[in-house]
């Protein structure tokens, strides 16, 4: 069930059965010469919808822009500052908690969001309690990074080995190819496997170290068939994680 396709009475009825909601979060940033700029948001949204269908859970709107400051030397990349993203998360949660939601399962598609989400959850727990919102003490938030699920990580290594890399990876490109087969991109990759191992600092330094935006990856290995396998693995594992999250005290 997608929140934006529900009516308020339908949400009210859902809350009599469950207090959980799935929130996809990604990023709008460069993903090399062949990766869609919306890759991280697309992957999070597709997986979240699959988990929602499997678990009969409500899925909220995708947070499409994340913390991607280091990618902004590439045209089309957008970002929120960490402080802005923290404020967005708090503003998202506050009315939902007032309505009765207490379990927030963030399906995340972008590594750059992880630290900020952790900080946002800490701020949210305190802010909700200070505002004395009913059930604030019962609120729990969890980040589920689809690309770090054990089954997904194992499958990606089997398919791509050391050419998986850590950004603009064949696994995430494959998932977008499965989701949007009419938007598969082709471009020369030189070198075939991108450089890796450099620390991340400013946007200018990032582009200097990673000239085409890739980090240790070879997205030319991606196929829509691989994307389907990765999707099915992610949905299966994260559905189990979501149900366990709901059941936990």
C-alpha atoms as a PDB file:
ATOM      1  CA  UNK A   1       0.000   0.000   0.000  1.00  0.00           C
ATOM      2  CA  UNK A   2       1.343   3.398  -0.989  1.00  0.00           C
ATOM      3  CA  UNK A   3       0.514   6.256   1.358  1.00  0.00           C
ATOM      4  CA  UNK A   4      -0.046   8.755  -1.436  1.00  0.00           C
ATOM      5  CA  UNK A   5      -2.588   6.449  -3.080  1.00  0.00           C
ATOM      6  CA  UNK A   6      -4.594   5.968   0.132  1.00  0.00           C
ATOM      7  CA  UNK A   7      -7.353   8.025   1.680  1.00  0.00           C
ATOM      8  CA  UNK A   8      -7.194   9.160   5.292  1.00  0.00           C
ATOM      9  CA  UNK A   9      -9.909   6.662   6.381  1.00  0.00           C
ATOM     10  CA  UNK A  10      -7.831   3.879   4.847  1.00  0.00           C
ATOM     11  CA  UNK A  11      -4.785   5.001   6.841  1.00  0.00           C
ATOM     12  CA  UNK A  12      -6.895   5.239   9.984  1.00  0.00           C
ATOM     13  CA  UNK A  13      -8.087   1.664   9.425  1.00  0.00           C
ATOM     14  CA  UNK A  14      -4.500   0.497   8.776  1.00  0.00           C
ATOM     15  CA  UNK A  15      -3.403   1.934  12.128  1.00  0.00           C
ATOM     16  CA  UNK A  16      -5.835  -0.364  13.927  1.00  0.00           C
ATOM     17  CA  UNK A  17      -3.768  -3.273  12.584  1.00  0.00           C
ATOM     18  CA  UNK A  18      -0.209  -1.933  12.481  1.00  0.00           C
ATOM     19  CA  UNK A  19       1.880   1.017  13.644  1.00  0.00           C
ATOM     20  CA  UNK A  20       4.638   0.378  11.117  1.00  0.00           C
ATOM     21  CA  UNK A  21       5.486   2.305   7.970  1.00  0.00           C
ATOM     22  CA  UNK A  22       8.254   1.902   5.405  1.00  0.00           C
ATOM     23  CA  UNK A  23      10.013   5.056   4.217  1.00  0.00           C
ATOM     24  CA  UNK A  24      12.321   4.834   1.183  1.00  0.00           C
ATOM     25  CA  UNK A  25      15.228   7.271   1.154  1.00  0.00           C
ATOM     26  CA  UNK A  26      17.880   7.712  -1.498  1.00  0.00           C
ATOM     27  CA  UNK A  27      19.775  10.471  -3.258  1.00  0.00           C
ATOM     28  CA  UNK A  28      19.868  12.466  -6.469  1.00  0.00           C
ATOM     29  CA  UNK A  29      23.491  12.364  -7.544  1.00  0.00           C
ATOM     30  CA  UNK A  30      25.814  11.330 -10.342  1.00  0.00           C
ATOM     31  CA  UNK A  31      26.404   7.625 -10.852  1.00  0.00           C
ATOM     32  CA  UNK A  32      29.115   7.637 -13.478  1.00  0.00           C
ATOM     33  CA  UNK A  33      28.657   7.803 -17.260  1.00  0.00           C
ATOM     34  CA  UNK A  34      26.035   5.022 -17.384  1.00  0.00           C
ATOM     35  CA  UNK A  35      24.237   5.287 -14.040  1.00  0.00           C
ATOM     36  CA  UNK A  36      21.019   7.263 -13.673  1.00  0.00           C
ATOM     37  CA  UNK A  37      21.234  10.311 -11.421  1.00  0.00           C
ATOM     38  CA  UNK A  38      18.235   8.984  -9.505  1.00  0.00           C
ATOM     39  CA  UNK A  39      19.789   5.541  -8.939  1.00  0.00           C
ATOM     40  CA  UNK A  40      19.826   5.611  -5.138  1.00  0.00           C
ATOM     41  CA  UNK A  41      16.249   6.853  -4.842  1.00  0.00           C
ATOM     42  CA  UNK A  42      15.024   4.451  -7.544  1.00  0.00           C
ATOM     43  CA  UNK A  43      16.609   1.444  -5.847  1.00  0.00           C
ATOM     44  CA  UNK A  44      15.253   2.381  -2.412  1.00  0.00           C
ATOM     45  CA  UNK A  45      11.771   2.987  -3.779  1.00  0.00           C
ATOM     46  CA  UNK A  46      11.599  -0.227  -5.809  1.00  0.00           C
ATOM     47  CA  UNK A  47      12.791  -2.369  -2.908  1.00  0.00           C
ATOM     48  CA  UNK A  48      10.548  -0.583  -0.396  1.00  0.00           C
ATOM     49  CA  UNK A  49       7.488  -1.176  -2.578  1.00  0.00           C
ATOM     50  CA  UNK A  50       8.399  -4.849  -2.838  1.00  0.00           C
ATOM     51  CA  UNK A  51       8.755  -5.148   0.926  1.00  0.00           C
ATOM     52  CA  UNK A  52       5.482  -3.307   1.427  1.00  0.00           C
ATOM     53  CA  UNK A  53       3.660  -5.722  -0.863  1.00  0.00           C
ATOM     54  CA  UNK A  54       5.232  -8.772   0.784  1.00  0.00           C
ATOM     55  CA  UNK A  55       4.575  -7.570   4.338  1.00  0.00           C
ATOM     56  CA  UNK A  56       1.224  -5.873   3.673  1.00  0.00           C
ATOM     57  CA  UNK A  57       2.766  -2.670   4.996  1.00  0.00           C
ATOM     58  CA  UNK A  58       2.204   0.976   4.221  1.00  0.00           C
ATOM     59  CA  UNK A  59       4.968   2.655   2.182  1.00  0.00           C
ATOM     60  CA  UNK A  60       5.490   6.397   2.467  1.00  0.00           C
ATOM     61  CA  UNK A  61       6.752   8.819  -0.194  1.00  0.00           C
ATOM     62  CA  UNK A  62      10.370   8.495  -1.247  1.00  0.00           C
ATOM     63  CA  UNK A  63      12.857  11.020   0.091  1.00  0.00           C
ATOM     64  CA  UNK A  64      14.639  11.562  -3.219  1.00  0.00           C
ATOM     65  CA  UNK A  65      17.366  14.009  -2.197  1.00  0.00           C
ATOM     66  CA  UNK A  66      19.825  12.934   0.462  1.00  0.00           C
ATOM     67  CA  UNK A  67      23.232  13.925   1.831  1.00  0.00           C
ATOM     68  CA  UNK A  68      25.465  13.995  -1.263  1.00  0.00           C
ATOM     69  CA  UNK A  69      27.662  17.060  -0.803  1.00  0.00           C
ATOM     70  CA  UNK A  70      30.735  15.290  -2.194  1.00  0.00           C
ATOM     71  CA  UNK A  71      29.035  14.598  -5.558  1.00  0.00           C
ATOM     72  CA  UNK A  72      28.079  18.172  -6.346  1.00  0.00           C
ATOM     73  CA  UNK A  73      31.001  18.847  -8.716  1.00  0.00           C
ATOM     74  CA  UNK A  74      29.083  16.724 -11.249  1.00  0.00           C
ATOM     75  CA  UNK A  75      26.154  18.381 -13.099  1.00  0.00           C
ATOM     76  CA  UNK A  76      22.708  17.283 -11.970  1.00  0.00           C
ATOM     77  CA  UNK A  77      23.725  16.213  -8.485  1.00  0.00           C
ATOM     78  CA  UNK A  78      21.629  17.643  -5.661  1.00  0.00           C
ATOM     79  CA  UNK A  79      22.062  17.490  -1.911  1.00  0.00           C
ATOM     80  CA  UNK A  80      20.683  18.387   1.467  1.00  0.00           C
ATOM     81  CA  UNK A  81      23.052  19.472   4.201  1.00  0.00           C
ATOM     82  CA  UNK A  82      23.175  16.974   7.084  1.00  0.00           C
ATOM     83  CA  UNK A  83      21.387  19.481   9.311  1.00  0.00           C
ATOM     84  CA  UNK A  84      18.655  19.941   6.696  1.00  0.00           C
ATOM     85  CA  UNK A  85      18.138  16.217   6.269  1.00  0.00           C
ATOM     86  CA  UNK A  86      17.907  15.798  10.050  1.00  0.00           C
ATOM     87  CA  UNK A  87      15.202  18.491  10.111  1.00  0.00           C
ATOM     88  CA  UNK A  88      13.356  16.792   7.236  1.00  0.00           C
ATOM     89  CA  UNK A  89      13.342  13.451   9.059  1.00  0.00           C
ATOM     90  CA  UNK A  90      12.014  15.059  12.236  1.00  0.00           C
ATOM     91  CA  UNK A  91       9.300  16.890  10.294  1.00  0.00           C
ATOM     92  CA  UNK A  92       8.324  13.638   8.545  1.00  0.00           C
ATOM     93  CA  UNK A  93       8.082  11.694  11.779  1.00  0.00           C
ATOM     94  CA  UNK A  94       6.263  14.211  13.998  1.00  0.00           C
ATOM     95  CA  UNK A  95       2.798  14.164  12.373  1.00  0.00           C
ATOM     96  CA  UNK A  96       3.013  10.422  11.716  1.00  0.00           C
ATOM     97  CA  UNK A  97       3.717   9.758  15.399  1.00  0.00           C
ATOM     98  CA  UNK A  98       0.768  11.971  16.327  1.00  0.00           C
ATOM     99  CA  UNK A  99      -1.393   9.768  14.104  1.00  0.00           C
ATOM    100  CA  UNK A 100      -0.215   6.596  15.846  1.00  0.00           C
ATOM    101  CA  UNK A 101       2.783   5.332  13.846  1.00  0.00           C
ATOM    102  CA  UNK A 102       5.631   4.149  16.077  1.00  0.00           C
ATOM    103  CA  UNK A 103       7.793   1.906  13.865  1.00  0.00           C
ATOM    104  CA  UNK A 104       9.688   3.613  11.058  1.00  0.00           C
ATOM    105  CA  UNK A 105      11.645   1.374   8.682  1.00  0.00           C
ATOM    106  CA  UNK A 106      13.832   3.435   6.362  1.00  0.00           C
ATOM    107  CA  UNK A 107      14.860   1.519   3.234  1.00  0.00           C
ATOM    108  CA  UNK A 108      18.033   3.380   2.298  1.00  0.00           C
ATOM    109  CA  UNK A 109      19.758   3.425  -1.077  1.00  0.00           C
ATOM    110  CA  UNK A 110      22.668   5.786  -0.363  1.00  0.00           C
ATOM    111  CA  UNK A 111      25.681   5.213   1.849  1.00  0.00           C
ATOM    112  CA  UNK A 112      26.057   8.957   2.411  1.00  0.00           C
ATOM    113  CA  UNK A 113      22.757   9.010   4.302  1.00  0.00           C
ATOM    114  CA  UNK A 114      23.741   6.497   6.975  1.00  0.00           C
ATOM    115  CA  UNK A 115      25.513   8.768   9.458  1.00  0.00           C
ATOM    116  CA  UNK A 116      22.923  11.527   9.083  1.00  0.00           C
ATOM    117  CA  UNK A 117      20.031   9.121   9.609  1.00  0.00           C
ATOM    118  CA  UNK A 118      21.633   7.862  12.804  1.00  0.00           C
ATOM    119  CA  UNK A 119      21.924  11.430  14.073  1.00  0.00           C
ATOM    120  CA  UNK A 120      18.361  12.219  12.955  1.00  0.00           C
ATOM    121  CA  UNK A 121      16.954   9.301  14.916  1.00  0.00           C
ATOM    122  CA  UNK A 122      18.761  10.435  18.069  1.00  0.00           C
ATOM    123  CA  UNK A 123      17.372  13.960  17.689  1.00  0.00           C
ATOM    124  CA  UNK A 124      13.880  12.653  16.913  1.00  0.00           C
ATOM    125  CA  UNK A 125      13.627  10.460  20.010  1.00  0.00           C
ATOM    126  CA  UNK A 126      14.460  13.416  22.251  1.00  0.00           C
ATOM    127  CA  UNK A 127      12.377  16.006  20.383  1.00  0.00           C
ATOM    128  CA  UNK A 128       9.260  13.813  20.308  1.00  0.00           C
ATOM    129  CA  UNK A 129       9.573  13.134  24.033  1.00  0.00           C
ATOM    130  CA  UNK A 130      10.086  16.817  24.836  1.00  0.00           C
ATOM    131  CA  UNK A 131       6.920  17.670  22.903  1.00  0.00           C
ATOM    132  CA  UNK A 132       5.081  15.058  24.987  1.00  0.00           C
ATOM    133  CA  UNK A 133       3.537  13.463  21.913  1.00  0.00           C
ATOM    134  CA  UNK A 134       1.515  10.374  22.915  1.00  0.00           C
ATOM    135  CA  UNK A 135       3.443   7.128  22.356  1.00  0.00           C
ATOM    136  CA  UNK A 136       6.699   9.029  21.768  1.00  0.00           C
ATOM    137  CA  UNK A 137       8.510   6.614  24.087  1.00  0.00           C
ATOM    138  CA  UNK A 138       7.431   3.720  21.838  1.00  0.00           C
ATOM    139  CA  UNK A 139       8.899   5.206  18.652  1.00  0.00           C
ATOM    140  CA  UNK A 140      11.640   3.162  17.027  1.00  0.00           C
ATOM    141  CA  UNK A 141      13.509   3.886  13.794  1.00  0.00           C
ATOM    142  CA  UNK A 142      15.641   1.521  11.763  1.00  0.00           C
ATOM    143  CA  UNK A 143      17.826   1.993   8.694  1.00  0.00           C
ATOM    144  CA  UNK A 144      17.776  -0.919   6.254  1.00  0.00           C
ATOM    145  CA  UNK A 145      20.467  -0.441   3.610  1.00  0.00           C
ATOM    146  CA  UNK A 146      19.293  -2.682   0.769  1.00  0.00           C
ATOM    147  CA  UNK A 147      22.790  -2.878  -0.748  1.00  0.00           C
ATOM    148  CA  UNK A 148      24.250  -4.108   2.559  1.00  0.00           C
ATOM    149  CA  UNK A 149      21.774  -6.953   3.056  1.00  0.00           C
ATOM    150  CA  UNK A 150      23.806 -10.130   3.414  1.00  0.00           C
ATOM    151  CA  UNK A 151      22.093 -11.923   0.524  1.00  0.00           C
ATOM    152  CA  UNK A 152      22.494  -8.912  -1.770  1.00  0.00           C
ATOM    153  CA  UNK A 153      26.155  -8.406  -0.864  1.00  0.00           C
ATOM    154  CA  UNK A 154      26.882 -12.103  -1.422  1.00  0.00           C
ATOM    155  CA  UNK A 155      25.100 -12.143  -4.779  1.00  0.00           C
ATOM    156  CA  UNK A 156      26.867  -8.978  -5.961  1.00  0.00           C
ATOM    157  CA  UNK A 157      30.244 -10.506  -5.140  1.00  0.00           C
ATOM    158  CA  UNK A 158      29.305 -13.685  -7.003  1.00  0.00           C
ATOM    159  CA  UNK A 159      28.234 -11.720 -10.066  1.00  0.00           C
ATOM    160  CA  UNK A 160      30.908  -9.019 -10.161  1.00  0.00           C
ATOM    161  CA  UNK A 161      33.743  -9.928  -7.803  1.00  0.00           C
ATOM    162  CA  UNK A 162      36.187  -7.084  -7.180  1.00  0.00           C
ATOM    163  CA  UNK A 163      34.587  -5.060  -9.998  1.00  0.00           C
ATOM    164  CA  UNK A 164      31.541  -4.301  -7.835  1.00  0.00           C
ATOM    165  CA  UNK A 165      33.308  -1.274  -6.332  1.00  0.00           C
ATOM    166  CA  UNK A 166      31.579   1.125  -3.950  1.00  0.00           C
ATOM    167  CA  UNK A 167      29.842   3.743  -6.106  1.00  0.00           C
ATOM    168  CA  UNK A 168      28.071   3.526  -9.467  1.00  0.00           C
ATOM    169  CA  UNK A 169      28.254  -0.203  -8.847  1.00  0.00           C
ATOM    170  CA  UNK A 170      26.995  -2.804 -11.312  1.00  0.00           C
ATOM    171  CA  UNK A 171      24.562  -4.094  -8.693  1.00  0.00           C
ATOM    172  CA  UNK A 172      22.742  -0.781  -8.256  1.00  0.00           C
ATOM    173  CA  UNK A 173      22.870  -0.045 -11.988  1.00  0.00           C
ATOM    174  CA  UNK A 174      21.433  -3.510 -12.652  1.00  0.00           C
ATOM    175  CA  UNK A 175      18.535  -2.836 -10.283  1.00  0.00           C
ATOM    176  CA  UNK A 176      17.697   0.400 -12.123  1.00  0.00           C
ATOM    177  CA  UNK A 177      17.893  -1.481 -15.431  1.00  0.00           C
ATOM    178  CA  UNK A 178      15.366  -3.987 -14.099  1.00  0.00           C
ATOM    179  CA  UNK A 179      13.113  -1.195 -12.838  1.00  0.00           C
ATOM    180  CA  UNK A 180      13.433   1.029 -15.929  1.00  0.00           C
ATOM    181  CA  UNK A 181      14.473  -1.093 -18.923  1.00  0.00           C
ATOM    182  CA  UNK A 182      13.715   1.753 -21.339  1.00  0.00           C
ATOM    183  CA  UNK A 183      16.373   3.934 -19.724  1.00  0.00           C
ATOM    184  CA  UNK A 184      19.463   1.712 -19.942  1.00  0.00           C
ATOM    185  CA  UNK A 185      22.479   3.878 -20.788  1.00  0.00           C
ATOM    186  CA  UNK A 186      25.645   3.015 -22.674  1.00  0.00           C
ATOM    187  CA  UNK A 187      28.910   4.958 -22.656  1.00  0.00           C
ATOM    188  CA  UNK A 188      32.634   4.172 -22.933  1.00  0.00           C
ATOM    189  CA  UNK A 189      34.295   3.472 -19.592  1.00  0.00           C
ATOM    190  CA  UNK A 190      37.955   4.368 -19.314  1.00  0.00           C
ATOM    191  CA  UNK A 191      39.446   2.659 -17.426  1.00  0.00           C
ATOM    192  CA  UNK A 192      37.058  -0.290 -17.453  1.00  0.00           C
ATOM    193  CA  UNK A 193      37.363  -0.581 -13.665  1.00  0.00           C
ATOM    194  CA  UNK A 194      37.394   2.793 -11.914  1.00  0.00           C
ATOM    195  CA  UNK A 195      40.056   3.836  -9.376  1.00  0.00           C
ATOM    196  CA  UNK A 196      39.382   3.338  -5.683  1.00  0.00           C
ATOM    197  CA  UNK A 197      40.848   3.826  -2.231  1.00  0.00           C
ATOM    198  CA  UNK A 198      40.870   7.616  -1.958  1.00  0.00           C
ATOM    199  CA  UNK A 199      39.341   9.349   1.035  1.00  0.00           C
ATOM    200  CA  UNK A 200      36.348  11.611   0.432  1.00  0.00           C
ATOM    201  CA  UNK A 201      36.753  15.340   1.103  1.00  0.00           C
ATOM    202  CA  UNK A 202      35.431  18.248  -0.973  1.00  0.00           C
ATOM    203  CA  UNK A 203      33.379  17.941  -4.184  1.00  0.00           C
ATOM    204  CA  UNK A 204      36.320  19.257  -6.227  1.00  0.00           C
ATOM    205  CA  UNK A 205      38.715  16.755  -4.681  1.00  0.00           C
ATOM    206  CA  UNK A 206      36.225  13.927  -5.238  1.00  0.00           C
ATOM    207  CA  UNK A 207      36.024  14.687  -8.957  1.00  0.00           C
ATOM    208  CA  UNK A 208      39.804  14.950  -9.162  1.00  0.00           C
ATOM    209  CA  UNK A 209      40.222  11.490  -7.587  1.00  0.00           C
ATOM    210  CA  UNK A 210      37.263   9.921  -9.409  1.00  0.00           C
ATOM    211  CA  UNK A 211      37.088  11.744 -12.765  1.00  0.00           C
ATOM    212  CA  UNK A 212      34.002  10.012 -14.178  1.00  0.00           C
ATOM    213  CA  UNK A 213      32.264   9.575 -10.815  1.00  0.00           C
ATOM    214  CA  UNK A 214      32.743   5.831 -10.370  1.00  0.00           C
ATOM    215  CA  UNK A 215      34.544   4.346  -7.375  1.00  0.00           C
ATOM    216  CA  UNK A 216      36.245   1.011  -8.051  1.00  0.00           C
ATOM    217  CA  UNK A 217      33.345  -0.234 -10.163  1.00  0.00           C
ATOM    218  CA  UNK A 218      32.609  -1.619 -13.623  1.00  0.00           C
ATOM    219  CA  UNK A 219      28.904  -0.983 -14.270  1.00  0.00           C
ATOM    220  CA  UNK A 220      29.237  -2.405 -17.796  1.00  0.00           C
ATOM    221  CA  UNK A 221      28.739  -5.806 -16.129  1.00  0.00           C
ATOM    222  CA  UNK A 222      25.171  -4.921 -15.113  1.00  0.00           C
ATOM    223  CA  UNK A 223      22.150  -6.561 -16.753  1.00  0.00           C
ATOM    224  CA  UNK A 224      18.400  -6.314 -16.090  1.00  0.00           C
ATOM    225  CA  UNK A 225      18.414 -10.044 -15.294  1.00  0.00           C
ATOM    226  CA  UNK A 226      20.966  -9.429 -12.554  1.00  0.00           C
ATOM    227  CA  UNK A 227      18.772  -6.586 -11.334  1.00  0.00           C
ATOM    228  CA  UNK A 228      15.818  -8.918 -10.918  1.00  0.00           C
ATOM    229  CA  UNK A 229      17.916 -11.362  -8.897  1.00  0.00           C
ATOM    230  CA  UNK A 230      19.181  -8.564  -6.668  1.00  0.00           C
ATOM    231  CA  UNK A 231      15.664  -7.173  -6.252  1.00  0.00           C
ATOM    232  CA  UNK A 232      14.250 -10.531  -5.194  1.00  0.00           C
ATOM    233  CA  UNK A 233      17.106 -11.103  -2.725  1.00  0.00           C
ATOM    234  CA  UNK A 234      16.703  -7.624  -1.209  1.00  0.00           C
ATOM    235  CA  UNK A 235      12.930  -7.860  -0.879  1.00  0.00           C
ATOM    236  CA  UNK A 236      13.075 -11.283   0.741  1.00  0.00           C
ATOM    237  CA  UNK A 237      15.692 -10.322   3.329  1.00  0.00           C
ATOM    238  CA  UNK A 238      14.317  -6.880   4.137  1.00  0.00           C
ATOM    239  CA  UNK A 239      10.773  -8.213   4.471  1.00  0.00           C
ATOM    240  CA  UNK A 240      12.049 -10.595   7.136  1.00  0.00           C
ATOM    241  CA  UNK A 241      13.912  -7.717   8.794  1.00  0.00           C
ATOM    242  CA  UNK A 242      10.817  -5.501   8.749  1.00  0.00           C
ATOM    243  CA  UNK A 243       8.571  -8.122  10.314  1.00  0.00           C
ATOM    244  CA  UNK A 244      11.174  -8.796  13.012  1.00  0.00           C
ATOM    245  CA  UNK A 245      11.431  -5.047  13.643  1.00  0.00           C
ATOM    246  CA  UNK A 246       7.659  -4.839  14.159  1.00  0.00           C
ATOM    247  CA  UNK A 247       7.654  -7.796  16.498  1.00  0.00           C
ATOM    248  CA  UNK A 248      10.507  -6.580  18.697  1.00  0.00           C
ATOM    249  CA  UNK A 249       9.711  -4.874  21.987  1.00  0.00           C
END
